[in-house]
Amino acid sequence: MIAIRRTFWLFVLGFHAVAAAAWWWLSPGGFPVAGLWFFKNRVAPILVLAVVGKAIHASRRERESSLGDALATLPAAWFGGAVALAWGYRPGPLDPLVLVPFAASVLMGLGLWWGFGKGSPRRLVWVAGGLVVGGLAAIASIPRAAGTRPLNEPAPPALVSLGAVEGRLGPLAFAHVGDGSVSLIGDVRLAVQPVLRFLARSPDGRPTVLTPAESREGPGLRLVGASSHPGGVDLRYRADYEATLRVDERDDRTVTFDATAALPATIWSHLNSFCDVDVSGHRRLSLGFSPCPDVRVEVRPMDYPFGRPLRFAFLDDLGRFRVVEASDGEKGPFRELAAGPLAPGEPLAITLYDEDEAVARITLEDWSAQVDARLSPTAGWGAPVNAIEFCLSGDEPTSTATIYVTLAATSVGRGWDCVGHRAGTYRNRVKVEFLGPGS
C-alpha cells in the first residue's frame, strides 16, 4: 500500500511540475502585473512549482504532516477551478470542462485522505490557498464581455429572390456570388472578401480546442438573394446571422464594396475575418499605412508555430495605430516598425507598393470605428485583439500575399481563447483604387 501511495503521488507531483513549467514557458507574457492574466501565466505556475518543491522537501525529511499539507493544495486548486468554470460558463453537469477538474480534485482528495488523514487545522490554510489559486486561474480563463462596437446602421432592403446575375461587372471586377469574393485585375491582381465570417467558433466562449467540431465550425454563409444593377451586384447571405454585399465598379480604376452583417446575439470565435485581400502579380510587395505614411513595410513570409516572424498592425486603446513584427512565428514580444495616430471612425488607407511604385490603395472606411482595442489573452505584450496580419504564402517575393483584417480575434499569439463580436449590425465599406498608369 505504501508503494502504491508513493507511486500515485510521485505521478501527481511530476505531472504538476511539468505542466506548470510548460505553462510558464509557453504562455504569453507582457501583461499588466495587477491583472489576472499575469497571475495565471506568471504567478500561478511558480506557486505550483513551489508546492511541488515543498512536498519533495517534506518527503525527504519524512515530515508526513508537512507533506500532507502541501499535497492538500493540489486537489483544492482543481476544485476551486472547477467551481469557477461552472460559475463562468454555466455548462451541463457532464460537460468535460468542469467534470475533468472536479474528478481530478475528488481523486486526489481521496488519495490524500487515504494516505494522510484529516491532518491538523493548519492544513485548512493550505486548502484555502489552493482554492484561491485554482479559482483565480480559472476566472482568468473566462472571456470578457464582447468589446466590438457595431455601427448598427440600417441594413439595405432584403433581397427576397435569387435572380440571374452577371459576374463580370466591368473591365476591373468579377464577382464570385457564391462566397462573396470579388477578383480585381489591374497592375496587380486582388481578390477581396469583405463579408464578416467566423471560422473557428465557440458557443459559450470556451477555448475552441475544448469545443466539438460541429459547434466549432458553425453554419457557413449561404447565398439567398442576388440581383444585378449597372456596373455592380447586390447579394444577400444567411448563416445564423444575415449578411449583405453591394459591389460597384465606379470606373476603370475604382471598385467599392458595402457589406453588412447583422448578428442577433454575441458570436464567440478564435478565428474570423472582417475583410481578406489576396494580392498577386507583384514583384516585391510592401505596404504603407495612412497613420504612418512615410514608412513602407515589406510583406514577408512567416512560419507557424515557430520560425520566421509575422508582421501585423493594430489599433490600441489609446488611438495609436502600430505596425509590429513578432519575435518567433506569431509570438511576442513585438518590435515596432511604424506607428501613428488613428482616431476611432477615421478611415484607414493601405497603399500597396510593388518595388518603388504605388499600384493600389485599399481604404477601410469602418474598421477603426468597430474594433475591440482591449488586450488579447493570446498575444500579450500590449497587442489587442484587433489585427491586420499580412504575409506571403511562399518563400519567393513574388508569392501571393494575404492581408487578414479582424475586429476581434486571437489568431496572434499562443492559445485557443475566444473573444466575442457583440450583437448588432456591422458595416464594412471598402474602396479599392488602382494607382499605376497601366491600370
Protein backbone atom coordinates (compact mmCIF):
# COMPACT_ATOMS: atom_id res chain seq x y z
CA MET A 1 0.00 0.00 0.00
CA ILE A 2 2.83 2.36 0.84
CA ALA A 3 4.39 1.70 -2.58
CA ILE A 4 1.07 2.37 -4.33
CA ARG A 5 0.60 5.62 -2.42
CA ARG A 6 4.13 6.72 -3.17
CA THR A 7 3.78 5.95 -6.89
CA PHE A 8 0.46 7.80 -7.07
CA TRP A 9 1.81 10.99 -5.51
CA LEU A 10 5.03 10.85 -7.50
CA PHE A 11 2.92 10.80 -10.64
CA VAL A 12 0.75 13.69 -9.38
CA LEU A 13 3.75 15.82 -8.43
CA GLY A 14 5.57 15.05 -11.67
CA PHE A 15 2.54 15.94 -13.74
CA HIS A 16 2.05 19.25 -11.95
CA ALA A 17 5.75 20.13 -12.16
CA VAL A 18 5.91 19.51 -15.91
CA ALA A 19 2.58 21.21 -16.62
CA ALA A 20 3.43 24.29 -14.53
CA ALA A 21 6.89 24.68 -16.10
CA ALA A 22 5.46 24.27 -19.61
CA TRP A 23 2.66 26.75 -18.93
CA TRP A 24 5.10 29.35 -17.58
CA TRP A 25 7.40 28.88 -20.59
CA LEU A 26 4.80 28.73 -23.38
CA SER A 27 2.07 31.11 -22.21
CA PRO A 28 2.10 34.73 -23.44
CA GLY A 29 3.68 37.40 -21.25
CA GLY A 30 3.83 41.16 -21.09
CA PHE A 31 0.51 41.62 -19.24
CA PRO A 32 -0.06 44.24 -16.50
CA VAL A 33 1.25 42.96 -13.19
CA ALA A 34 -2.02 43.66 -11.40
CA GLY A 35 -4.11 41.68 -13.88
CA LEU A 36 -5.48 38.15 -13.73
CA TRP A 37 -3.67 37.11 -16.94
CA PHE A 38 -0.33 37.93 -15.33
CA PHE A 39 -1.37 35.87 -12.31
CA LYS A 40 -2.48 32.92 -14.45
CA ASN A 41 0.58 32.88 -16.73
CA ARG A 42 3.39 34.01 -14.44
CA VAL A 43 2.42 33.68 -10.76
CA ALA A 44 0.25 30.55 -10.58
CA PRO A 45 2.83 28.25 -12.29
CA ILE A 46 5.53 29.39 -9.85
CA LEU A 47 3.20 28.73 -6.90
CA VAL A 48 2.53 25.21 -8.21
CA LEU A 49 6.27 24.56 -8.57
CA ALA A 50 6.78 25.87 -5.05
CA VAL A 51 4.18 23.41 -3.71
CA VAL A 52 5.88 20.56 -5.56
CA GLY A 53 9.23 21.61 -4.10
CA LYS A 54 7.74 21.84 -0.60
CA ALA A 55 6.24 18.36 -0.94
CA ILE A 56 9.53 16.83 -2.14
CA HIS A 57 11.45 18.52 0.68
CA ALA A 58 8.98 17.28 3.31
CA SER A 59 9.06 13.77 1.87
CA ARG A 60 12.84 13.55 2.00
CA ARG A 61 12.84 14.68 5.62
CA GLU A 62 9.97 12.26 6.38
CA ARG A 63 7.71 15.01 7.68
CA GLU A 64 4.37 13.37 6.98
CA SER A 65 2.26 16.23 8.32
CA SER A 66 4.03 18.89 6.23
CA LEU A 67 3.89 16.61 3.19
CA GLY A 68 0.14 16.18 3.60
CA ASP A 69 -0.33 19.95 3.98
CA ALA A 70 1.49 20.65 0.71
CA LEU A 71 -0.32 17.91 -1.18
CA ALA A 72 -3.70 19.21 0.06
CA THR A 73 -3.33 22.36 -2.05
CA LEU A 74 -3.48 20.39 -5.30
CA PRO A 75 -7.00 18.88 -5.06
CA ALA A 76 -8.18 22.17 -3.56
CA ALA A 77 -6.85 24.10 -6.57
CA TRP A 78 -8.57 21.77 -9.01
CA PHE A 79 -11.83 22.02 -7.07
CA GLY A 80 -11.59 25.81 -6.98
CA GLY A 81 -11.01 25.84 -10.72
CA ALA A 82 -13.99 23.56 -11.34
CA VAL A 83 -16.28 25.82 -9.28
CA ALA A 84 -15.05 28.95 -11.07
CA LEU A 85 -15.54 27.39 -14.51
CA ALA A 86 -19.03 26.20 -13.56
CA TRP A 87 -19.87 29.73 -12.44
CA GLY A 88 -18.39 31.37 -15.55
CA TYR A 89 -19.66 29.07 -18.32
CA ARG A 90 -22.82 27.50 -16.82
CA PRO A 91 -22.10 24.14 -18.51
CA GLY A 92 -24.16 20.98 -18.27
CA PRO A 93 -23.46 18.50 -15.42
CA LEU A 94 -21.44 16.11 -17.61
CA ASP A 95 -19.51 18.79 -19.51
CA PRO A 96 -15.80 17.81 -19.58
CA LEU A 97 -14.89 21.46 -18.99
CA VAL A 98 -15.99 21.08 -15.36
CA LEU A 99 -16.20 17.30 -14.98
CA VAL A 100 -12.46 16.73 -15.58
CA PRO A 101 -11.12 19.18 -12.94
CA PHE A 102 -13.82 18.09 -10.49
CA ALA A 103 -12.94 14.40 -10.98
CA ALA A 104 -9.24 15.20 -10.58
CA SER A 105 -9.92 17.00 -7.30
CA VAL A 106 -12.00 14.10 -5.98
CA LEU A 107 -9.36 11.51 -6.95
CA MET A 108 -6.53 13.46 -5.32
CA GLY A 109 -8.71 14.25 -2.30
CA LEU A 110 -9.41 10.55 -1.74
CA GLY A 111 -5.70 9.79 -2.10
CA LEU A 112 -4.90 12.48 0.47
CA TRP A 113 -7.46 11.19 2.97
CA TRP A 114 -6.28 7.59 2.50
CA GLY A 115 -2.61 8.40 2.96
CA PHE A 116 -2.57 11.33 5.38
CA GLY A 117 -5.92 11.52 7.13
CA LYS A 118 -7.55 14.83 8.01
CA GLY A 119 -4.40 16.48 9.24
CA SER A 120 -4.06 19.43 11.62
CA PRO A 121 -6.05 22.71 11.46
CA ARG A 122 -3.01 24.19 9.68
CA ARG A 123 -3.96 22.14 6.63
CA LEU A 124 -7.06 24.28 6.19
CA VAL A 125 -4.79 27.24 5.39
CA TRP A 126 -3.12 25.25 2.60
CA VAL A 127 -6.52 24.13 1.32
CA ALA A 128 -7.78 27.73 1.31
CA GLY A 129 -4.69 28.81 -0.61
CA GLY A 130 -5.25 26.10 -3.21
CA LEU A 131 -8.89 27.10 -3.65
CA VAL A 132 -7.91 30.74 -4.23
CA VAL A 133 -5.12 29.96 -6.71
CA GLY A 134 -7.21 27.49 -8.70
CA GLY A 135 -10.25 29.75 -8.68
CA LEU A 136 -8.35 32.84 -9.84
CA ALA A 137 -6.53 30.94 -12.58
CA ALA A 138 -9.85 29.60 -13.88
CA ILE A 139 -11.54 33.02 -13.67
CA ALA A 140 -8.71 34.43 -15.80
CA SER A 141 -9.64 31.89 -18.48
CA ILE A 142 -13.27 33.04 -18.70
CA PRO A 143 -13.69 35.51 -21.60
CA ARG A 144 -14.73 39.10 -21.03
CA ALA A 145 -17.93 40.52 -22.43
CA ALA A 146 -17.68 41.27 -26.15
CA GLY A 147 -15.98 44.59 -26.85
CA THR A 148 -16.59 45.23 -30.55
CA ARG A 149 -18.69 48.28 -31.45
CA PRO A 150 -21.20 47.58 -34.24
CA LEU A 151 -22.32 50.70 -36.07
CA ASN A 152 -25.95 49.50 -36.11
CA GLU A 153 -26.67 51.40 -39.30
CA PRO A 154 -29.82 50.19 -41.10
CA ALA A 155 -29.07 47.27 -43.41
CA PRO A 156 -30.06 47.53 -47.09
CA PRO A 157 -33.52 46.24 -48.04
CA ALA A 158 -33.54 42.46 -48.09
CA LEU A 159 -33.32 40.67 -51.41
CA VAL A 160 -36.10 38.10 -51.46
CA SER A 161 -35.11 36.09 -54.50
CA LEU A 162 -32.13 34.66 -56.34
CA GLY A 163 -32.08 36.42 -59.67
CA ALA A 164 -29.70 35.81 -62.53
CA VAL A 165 -26.61 37.93 -62.02
CA GLU A 166 -23.69 38.77 -64.26
CA GLY A 167 -20.36 38.01 -62.59
CA ARG A 168 -18.40 40.35 -64.85
CA LEU A 169 -19.07 43.85 -63.51
CA GLY A 170 -16.73 45.72 -65.84
CA PRO A 171 -13.13 45.73 -67.04
CA LEU A 172 -11.79 45.50 -63.45
CA ALA A 173 -14.07 43.31 -61.38
CA PHE A 174 -15.55 39.83 -61.45
CA ALA A 175 -17.89 38.83 -58.59
CA HIS A 176 -17.99 35.27 -57.25
CA VAL A 177 -21.51 35.38 -55.89
CA GLY A 178 -21.33 32.03 -54.09
CA ASP A 179 -18.80 33.12 -51.48
CA GLY A 180 -19.00 36.90 -51.77
CA SER A 181 -15.46 37.40 -53.06
CA VAL A 182 -14.52 39.69 -55.94
CA SER A 183 -11.50 39.38 -58.26
CA LEU A 184 -9.91 42.62 -59.47
CA ILE A 185 -7.33 42.87 -62.24
CA GLY A 186 -5.12 45.95 -62.52
CA ASP A 187 -1.37 46.41 -62.22
CA VAL A 188 -1.67 43.71 -59.56
CA ARG A 189 -4.42 41.15 -59.09
CA LEU A 190 -6.58 41.37 -55.99
CA ALA A 191 -9.16 39.01 -54.51
CA VAL A 192 -11.32 40.79 -51.92
CA GLN A 193 -13.64 39.08 -49.42
CA PRO A 194 -15.38 41.87 -47.43
CA VAL A 195 -18.17 39.92 -45.67
CA LEU A 196 -17.77 39.20 -41.93
CA ARG A 197 -17.14 35.45 -41.45
CA PHE A 198 -16.46 33.29 -38.40
CA LEU A 199 -14.02 30.43 -38.99
CA ALA A 200 -13.39 28.85 -35.55
CA ARG A 201 -16.24 29.39 -33.12
CA SER A 202 -17.32 28.54 -29.60
CA PRO A 203 -20.93 28.54 -28.39
CA ASP A 204 -20.11 29.96 -24.95
CA GLY A 205 -16.64 31.48 -25.26
CA ARG A 206 -14.61 28.50 -24.07
CA PRO A 207 -11.34 27.79 -25.94
CA THR A 208 -12.03 26.23 -29.33
CA VAL A 209 -9.78 23.26 -28.52
CA LEU A 210 -12.50 22.26 -26.00
CA THR A 211 -15.36 22.80 -28.45
CA PRO A 212 -16.88 19.93 -30.51
CA ALA A 213 -16.10 20.15 -34.22
CA GLU A 214 -19.73 20.67 -35.25
CA SER A 215 -20.01 23.68 -32.92
CA ARG A 216 -16.55 24.99 -33.77
CA GLU A 217 -17.20 25.23 -37.49
CA GLY A 218 -20.66 26.78 -37.27
CA PRO A 219 -23.01 27.31 -40.22
CA GLY A 220 -21.43 28.73 -43.37
CA LEU A 221 -22.80 31.71 -45.28
CA ARG A 222 -25.39 30.63 -47.86
CA LEU A 223 -26.44 32.79 -50.79
CA VAL A 224 -30.18 33.52 -50.52
CA GLY A 225 -30.63 36.63 -52.67
CA ALA A 226 -28.96 38.21 -55.69
CA SER A 227 -29.65 40.92 -58.24
CA SER A 228 -27.62 42.96 -60.71
CA HIS A 229 -27.52 46.69 -61.34
CA PRO A 230 -25.44 48.68 -63.85
CA GLY A 231 -21.79 48.13 -63.02
CA GLY A 232 -22.50 46.14 -59.89
CA VAL A 233 -24.27 43.42 -57.96
CA ASP A 234 -26.31 43.11 -54.73
CA LEU A 235 -26.02 39.89 -52.72
CA ARG A 236 -27.60 38.54 -49.54
CA TYR A 237 -26.32 35.67 -47.36
CA ARG A 238 -27.62 33.79 -44.34
CA ALA A 239 -25.96 31.66 -41.67
CA ASP A 240 -27.11 32.17 -38.08
CA TYR A 241 -26.93 35.87 -38.98
CA GLU A 242 -27.85 37.92 -42.04
CA ALA A 243 -25.21 39.46 -44.32
CA THR A 244 -25.38 41.64 -47.41
CA LEU A 245 -22.86 42.81 -50.01
CA ARG A 246 -23.08 45.52 -52.65
CA VAL A 247 -20.25 45.81 -55.19
CA ASP A 248 -19.90 48.71 -57.63
CA GLU A 249 -17.27 49.26 -60.30
CA ARG A 250 -17.16 53.07 -60.34
CA ASP A 251 -14.75 53.50 -63.23
CA ASP A 252 -11.72 51.76 -64.74
CA ARG A 253 -9.70 52.42 -61.57
CA THR A 254 -12.10 52.18 -58.62
CA VAL A 255 -14.30 49.47 -57.11
CA THR A 256 -16.33 49.95 -53.92
CA PHE A 257 -17.77 47.39 -51.50
CA ASP A 258 -20.53 47.90 -48.95
CA ALA A 259 -21.03 44.85 -46.71
CA THR A 260 -23.16 44.40 -43.61
CA ALA A 261 -23.56 41.60 -41.08
CA ALA A 262 -26.45 41.64 -38.58
CA LEU A 263 -25.66 39.46 -35.54
CA PRO A 264 -28.76 38.67 -33.41
CA ALA A 265 -26.58 37.59 -30.47
CA THR A 266 -22.92 37.62 -29.43
CA ILE A 267 -20.76 35.24 -31.50
CA TRP A 268 -17.61 33.90 -29.84
CA SER A 269 -14.68 32.95 -32.04
CA HIS A 270 -10.97 32.26 -32.09
CA LEU A 271 -10.56 32.94 -35.84
CA ASN A 272 -12.70 35.19 -38.02
CA SER A 273 -12.41 37.66 -40.89
CA PHE A 274 -13.76 41.18 -41.27
CA CYS A 275 -12.04 41.53 -44.65
CA ASP A 276 -9.49 39.41 -46.56
CA VAL A 277 -7.40 40.58 -49.51
CA ASP A 278 -5.13 38.33 -51.61
CA VAL A 279 -2.53 40.10 -53.75
CA SER A 280 -0.70 38.50 -56.68
CA GLY A 281 1.17 39.59 -59.78
CA HIS A 282 3.71 41.71 -57.89
CA ARG A 283 7.49 41.56 -57.91
CA ARG A 284 8.22 42.70 -54.33
CA LEU A 285 5.33 43.96 -52.22
CA SER A 286 5.35 46.46 -49.37
CA LEU A 287 2.57 48.31 -47.57
CA GLY A 288 2.14 51.89 -46.46
CA PHE A 289 -0.47 52.79 -43.83
CA SER A 290 -2.16 56.20 -43.68
CA PRO A 291 -1.38 56.83 -39.96
CA CYS A 292 2.37 56.45 -40.71
CA PRO A 293 2.66 57.29 -44.45
CA ASP A 294 6.42 57.78 -44.51
CA VAL A 295 7.17 54.13 -43.67
CA ARG A 296 6.84 51.22 -46.06
CA VAL A 297 6.69 47.77 -44.53
CA GLU A 298 7.77 44.87 -46.69
CA VAL A 299 5.47 41.87 -46.84
CA ARG A 300 7.43 38.73 -45.96
CA PRO A 301 6.71 35.03 -45.40
CA MET A 302 6.14 33.77 -41.87
CA ASP A 303 6.25 30.38 -40.17
CA TYR A 304 3.82 28.71 -37.79
CA PRO A 305 4.05 27.93 -34.95
CA PHE A 306 7.73 28.87 -34.75
CA GLY A 307 10.22 30.42 -37.15
CA ARG A 308 10.11 33.49 -39.35
CA PRO A 309 8.13 36.28 -37.65
CA LEU A 310 4.69 37.55 -38.55
CA ARG A 311 4.18 41.22 -39.33
CA PHE A 312 0.86 42.79 -38.38
CA ALA A 313 -0.79 46.06 -37.39
CA PHE A 314 -3.36 47.01 -34.78
CA LEU A 315 -5.17 49.93 -33.15
CA ASP A 316 -4.61 50.18 -29.39
CA ASP A 317 -6.91 51.65 -26.76
CA LEU A 318 -5.02 54.98 -26.84
CA GLY A 319 -5.85 55.60 -30.51
CA ARG A 320 -2.37 54.65 -31.69
CA PHE A 321 -2.01 52.60 -34.84
CA ARG A 322 1.07 50.39 -34.66
CA VAL A 323 2.80 48.10 -37.15
CA VAL A 324 4.90 45.47 -35.42
CA GLU A 325 6.92 42.32 -36.02
CA ALA A 326 6.74 39.23 -33.80
CA SER A 327 9.76 37.56 -32.24
CA ASP A 328 9.07 33.98 -33.32
CA GLY A 329 6.22 32.90 -35.57
CA GLU A 330 3.29 34.99 -34.41
CA LYS A 331 4.53 35.16 -30.79
CA GLY A 332 5.75 38.23 -28.87
CA PRO A 333 7.43 40.32 -27.71
CA PHE A 334 6.70 42.56 -30.68
CA ARG A 335 9.11 45.00 -32.29
CA GLU A 336 7.56 48.24 -33.55
CA LEU A 337 8.14 49.04 -37.22
CA ALA A 338 5.91 52.12 -37.60
CA ALA A 339 3.23 53.98 -35.66
CA GLY A 340 0.88 56.94 -35.89
CA PRO A 341 -2.48 58.27 -34.61
CA LEU A 342 -5.78 56.87 -35.86
CA ALA A 343 -8.98 58.21 -34.30
CA PRO A 344 -11.98 55.89 -33.89
CA GLY A 345 -14.10 56.24 -37.02
CA GLU A 346 -11.24 57.56 -39.15
CA PRO A 347 -10.72 55.67 -42.42
CA LEU A 348 -7.59 53.55 -42.72
CA ALA A 349 -5.85 53.55 -46.10
CA ILE A 350 -3.39 50.79 -47.03
CA THR A 351 -1.24 51.60 -50.07
CA LEU A 352 0.29 48.69 -51.97
CA TYR A 353 3.77 49.29 -53.40
CA ASP A 354 5.33 46.99 -55.97
CA GLU A 355 9.03 47.73 -55.53
CA ASP A 356 9.02 51.58 -55.66
CA GLU A 357 5.70 52.07 -57.44
CA ALA A 358 2.36 52.65 -55.72
CA VAL A 359 -0.01 50.31 -57.56
CA ALA A 360 -3.19 50.22 -55.48
CA ARG A 361 -4.85 51.65 -52.39
CA ILE A 362 -7.34 49.86 -50.14
CA THR A 363 -9.38 52.13 -47.86
CA LEU A 364 -11.23 50.59 -44.91
CA GLU A 365 -13.89 53.16 -44.05
CA ASP A 366 -15.40 51.48 -40.97
CA TRP A 367 -12.69 49.31 -39.40
CA SER A 368 -11.41 51.72 -36.74
CA ALA A 369 -14.94 52.58 -35.58
CA GLN A 370 -15.84 48.99 -34.69
CA VAL A 371 -12.65 47.32 -33.41
CA ASP A 372 -12.20 45.91 -29.92
CA ALA A 373 -8.99 47.60 -28.71
CA ARG A 374 -8.62 45.69 -25.43
CA LEU A 375 -5.63 43.43 -24.79
CA SER A 376 -5.53 40.00 -26.38
CA PRO A 377 -5.35 37.00 -24.00
CA THR A 378 -3.21 35.07 -26.51
CA ALA A 379 -0.87 37.75 -27.87
CA GLY A 380 0.28 39.62 -24.75
CA TRP A 381 2.98 42.28 -24.91
CA GLY A 382 0.49 45.12 -25.40
CA ALA A 383 -1.22 43.74 -28.53
CA PRO A 384 -5.04 43.97 -28.64
CA VAL A 385 -7.50 41.52 -30.17
CA ASN A 386 -7.92 43.52 -33.40
CA ALA A 387 -5.28 42.94 -36.06
CA ILE A 388 -4.32 43.40 -39.69
CA GLU A 389 -1.98 40.49 -40.46
CA PHE A 390 -0.03 40.32 -43.72
CA CYS A 391 2.38 37.74 -45.11
CA LEU A 392 3.50 35.92 -48.24
CA SER A 393 2.29 32.40 -48.94
CA GLY A 394 5.72 31.21 -50.11
CA ASP A 395 9.43 31.97 -49.91
CA GLU A 396 9.68 33.96 -53.14
CA PRO A 397 8.90 37.71 -53.07
CA THR A 398 6.50 37.12 -55.99
CA SER A 399 4.40 34.69 -53.91
CA THR A 400 0.76 35.55 -53.29
CA ALA A 401 0.35 37.89 -50.33
CA THR A 402 -2.63 37.81 -47.98
CA ILE A 403 -3.92 40.63 -45.78
CA TYR A 404 -6.21 39.43 -42.97
CA VAL A 405 -8.31 42.12 -41.25
CA THR A 406 -10.15 41.41 -37.99
CA LEU A 407 -12.15 43.42 -35.46
CA ALA A 408 -11.55 40.95 -32.64
CA ALA A 409 -9.76 37.60 -32.88
CA THR A 410 -6.99 35.61 -31.18
CA SER A 411 -5.00 34.29 -34.12
CA VAL A 412 -1.89 36.15 -32.92
CA GLY A 413 -0.04 34.51 -30.03
CA ARG A 414 -0.45 31.27 -28.11
CA GLY A 415 -3.71 29.58 -27.26
CA TRP A 416 -7.25 28.98 -28.50
CA ASP A 417 -9.06 31.57 -26.39
CA CYS A 418 -12.18 33.15 -27.85
CA VAL A 419 -13.37 36.75 -27.99
CA GLY A 420 -16.83 38.00 -28.81
CA HIS A 421 -18.47 40.04 -31.52
CA ARG A 422 -21.29 41.91 -29.81
CA ALA A 423 -24.82 41.60 -31.21
CA GLY A 424 -25.66 44.33 -33.73
CA THR A 425 -25.15 45.32 -37.35
CA TYR A 426 -21.56 45.65 -38.58
CA ARG A 427 -20.70 47.60 -41.71
CA ASN A 428 -17.64 47.23 -43.91
CA ARG A 429 -17.25 49.83 -46.65
CA VAL A 430 -14.11 49.29 -48.70
CA LYS A 431 -12.74 51.29 -51.62
CA VAL A 432 -10.09 49.81 -53.90
CA GLU A 433 -8.25 52.16 -56.25
CA PHE A 434 -5.63 51.18 -58.82
CA LEU A 435 -2.94 53.83 -58.97
CA GLY A 436 -0.44 52.70 -61.61
CA PRO A 437 -0.51 54.09 -65.15
CA GLY A 438 -1.27 50.66 -66.57
CA SER A 439 -4.48 50.14 -64.66
